[in-house]
Amino acid sequence: MTEVVALALLLSASASMSVAHAETTQVLALAGSVDEVLTNIRNWVMGILAGLATVFLSIGGVRYVMGGGDPGEIEKAKTSFKAAGIGYALAALAPLVVTVLKGIVGA
């Protein structure tokens, strides 16, 4: 009896999923051109890199303050600061990378 109930639940769930999928075939966003896609990619990459760099900068600051003079913790903090600097540099170079990609694609 439980197998029949489980089968009925699965069939009803799959039927409702197919109905829901059929109703949501509307396209919500389209890019107008390759240039627009590359610009959106650049913005996302810059945002993600800057966000990660800020996280590493915060971690480095907390480690430096909470290290209490421990040379190992100070070195870990400096490593986090270096990673944050690299992240900010890559975020600053993202527009240059997109410009190169535009030249390759021909946009």
Protein backbone atom coordinates (compact mmCIF):
# COMPACT_ATOMS: atom_id res chain seq x y z
CA MET A 1 0.00 0.00 0.00
CA THR A 2 2.81 2.43 0.82
CA GLU A 3 4.39 1.78 -2.58
CA VAL A 4 1.18 2.84 -4.29
CA VAL A 5 1.02 6.04 -2.22
CA ALA A 6 4.68 6.81 -2.95
CA LEU A 7 4.14 6.19 -6.66
CA ALA A 8 1.07 8.43 -6.69
CA LEU A 9 3.01 11.21 -4.95
CA LEU A 10 5.88 10.92 -7.42
CA LEU A 11 3.56 10.99 -10.40
CA SER A 12 1.65 13.99 -9.11
CA ALA A 13 4.89 15.82 -8.33
CA SER A 14 6.31 15.16 -11.78
CA ALA A 15 3.04 16.24 -13.42
CA SER A 16 3.02 19.50 -11.49
CA MET A 17 6.70 20.04 -12.35
CA SER A 18 6.03 19.65 -16.06
CA VAL A 19 3.08 22.05 -15.88
CA ALA A 20 5.17 24.58 -13.96
CA HIS A 21 7.98 24.23 -16.46
CA ALA A 22 5.63 24.72 -19.39
CA GLU A 23 4.32 27.95 -17.88
CA THR A 24 7.75 29.48 -17.29
CA THR A 25 9.24 29.38 -20.77
CA GLN A 26 9.39 33.16 -20.91
CA VAL A 27 12.84 34.63 -21.54
CA LEU A 28 13.63 37.25 -18.93
CA ALA A 29 16.85 38.79 -20.22
CA LEU A 30 18.60 38.98 -23.54
CA ALA A 31 21.86 40.67 -24.32
CA GLY A 32 21.65 43.14 -27.15
CA SER A 33 25.20 42.58 -28.37
CA VAL A 34 28.50 40.90 -27.62
CA ASP A 35 29.74 44.24 -26.30
CA GLU A 36 26.98 44.25 -23.70
CA VAL A 37 27.82 40.68 -22.65
CA LEU A 38 31.51 41.51 -22.25
CA THR A 39 30.68 44.63 -20.27
CA ASN A 40 28.47 42.59 -17.96
CA ILE A 41 31.23 40.01 -17.54
CA ARG A 42 33.70 42.77 -16.69
CA ASN A 43 31.37 44.22 -14.08
CA TRP A 44 30.79 40.83 -12.47
CA VAL A 45 34.50 39.96 -12.44
CA MET A 46 35.41 43.32 -10.93
CA GLY A 47 32.74 42.98 -8.26
CA ILE A 48 33.72 39.46 -7.29
CA LEU A 49 37.44 40.25 -7.20
CA ALA A 50 36.96 43.42 -5.18
CA GLY A 51 34.67 41.59 -2.75
CA LEU A 52 37.15 38.76 -2.23
CA ALA A 53 40.01 41.20 -1.85
CA THR A 54 38.06 43.07 0.81
CA VAL A 55 37.45 39.81 2.66
CA PHE A 56 41.18 39.00 2.58
CA LEU A 57 42.03 42.52 3.72
CA SER A 58 39.64 42.16 6.65
CA ILE A 59 41.03 38.74 7.58
CA GLY A 60 44.57 40.11 7.42
CA GLY A 61 43.66 43.04 9.63
CA VAL A 62 42.00 40.83 12.22
CA ARG A 63 44.94 38.43 12.23
CA TYR A 64 47.40 41.28 12.59
CA VAL A 65 45.52 42.83 15.51
CA MET A 66 44.71 39.53 17.22
CA GLY A 67 48.20 38.08 16.63
CA GLY A 68 49.55 39.55 19.85
CA GLY A 69 53.10 39.74 18.52
CA ASP A 70 53.21 36.09 17.41
CA PRO A 71 55.52 36.01 14.37
CA GLY A 72 53.53 33.19 12.73
CA GLU A 73 50.26 35.11 12.91
CA ILE A 74 51.94 38.30 11.69
CA GLU A 75 53.26 36.41 8.64
CA LYS A 76 49.80 34.97 7.95
CA ALA A 77 48.37 38.49 8.18
CA LYS A 78 50.97 39.77 5.73
CA THR A 79 50.12 36.94 3.35
CA SER A 80 46.46 37.95 3.52
CA PHE A 81 47.41 41.56 2.83
CA LYS A 82 49.41 40.43 -0.22
CA ALA A 83 46.46 38.38 -1.48
CA ALA A 84 44.18 41.38 -1.03
CA GLY A 85 46.58 43.56 -3.00
CA ILE A 86 46.70 41.02 -5.81
CA GLY A 87 42.90 40.85 -5.82
CA TYR A 88 42.54 44.62 -6.05
CA ALA A 89 45.14 44.74 -8.83
CA LEU A 90 43.28 42.08 -10.81
CA ALA A 91 40.01 43.94 -10.30
CA ALA A 92 41.65 47.09 -11.63
CA LEU A 93 42.95 45.17 -14.66
CA ALA A 94 39.57 43.61 -15.52
CA PRO A 95 38.62 46.42 -17.95
CA LEU A 96 41.90 45.87 -19.81
CA VAL A 97 41.18 42.14 -20.11
CA VAL A 98 37.71 42.86 -21.48
CA THR A 99 39.15 45.33 -23.98
CA VAL A 100 41.54 42.63 -25.19
CA LEU A 101 38.64 40.18 -25.45
CA LYS A 102 36.64 42.73 -27.44
CA GLY A 103 39.57 43.04 -29.84
CA ILE A 104 39.76 39.26 -30.24
CA VAL A 105 36.01 38.85 -30.73
CA GLY A 106 35.74 41.91 -32.93
CA ALA A 107 33.05 43.68 -30.93
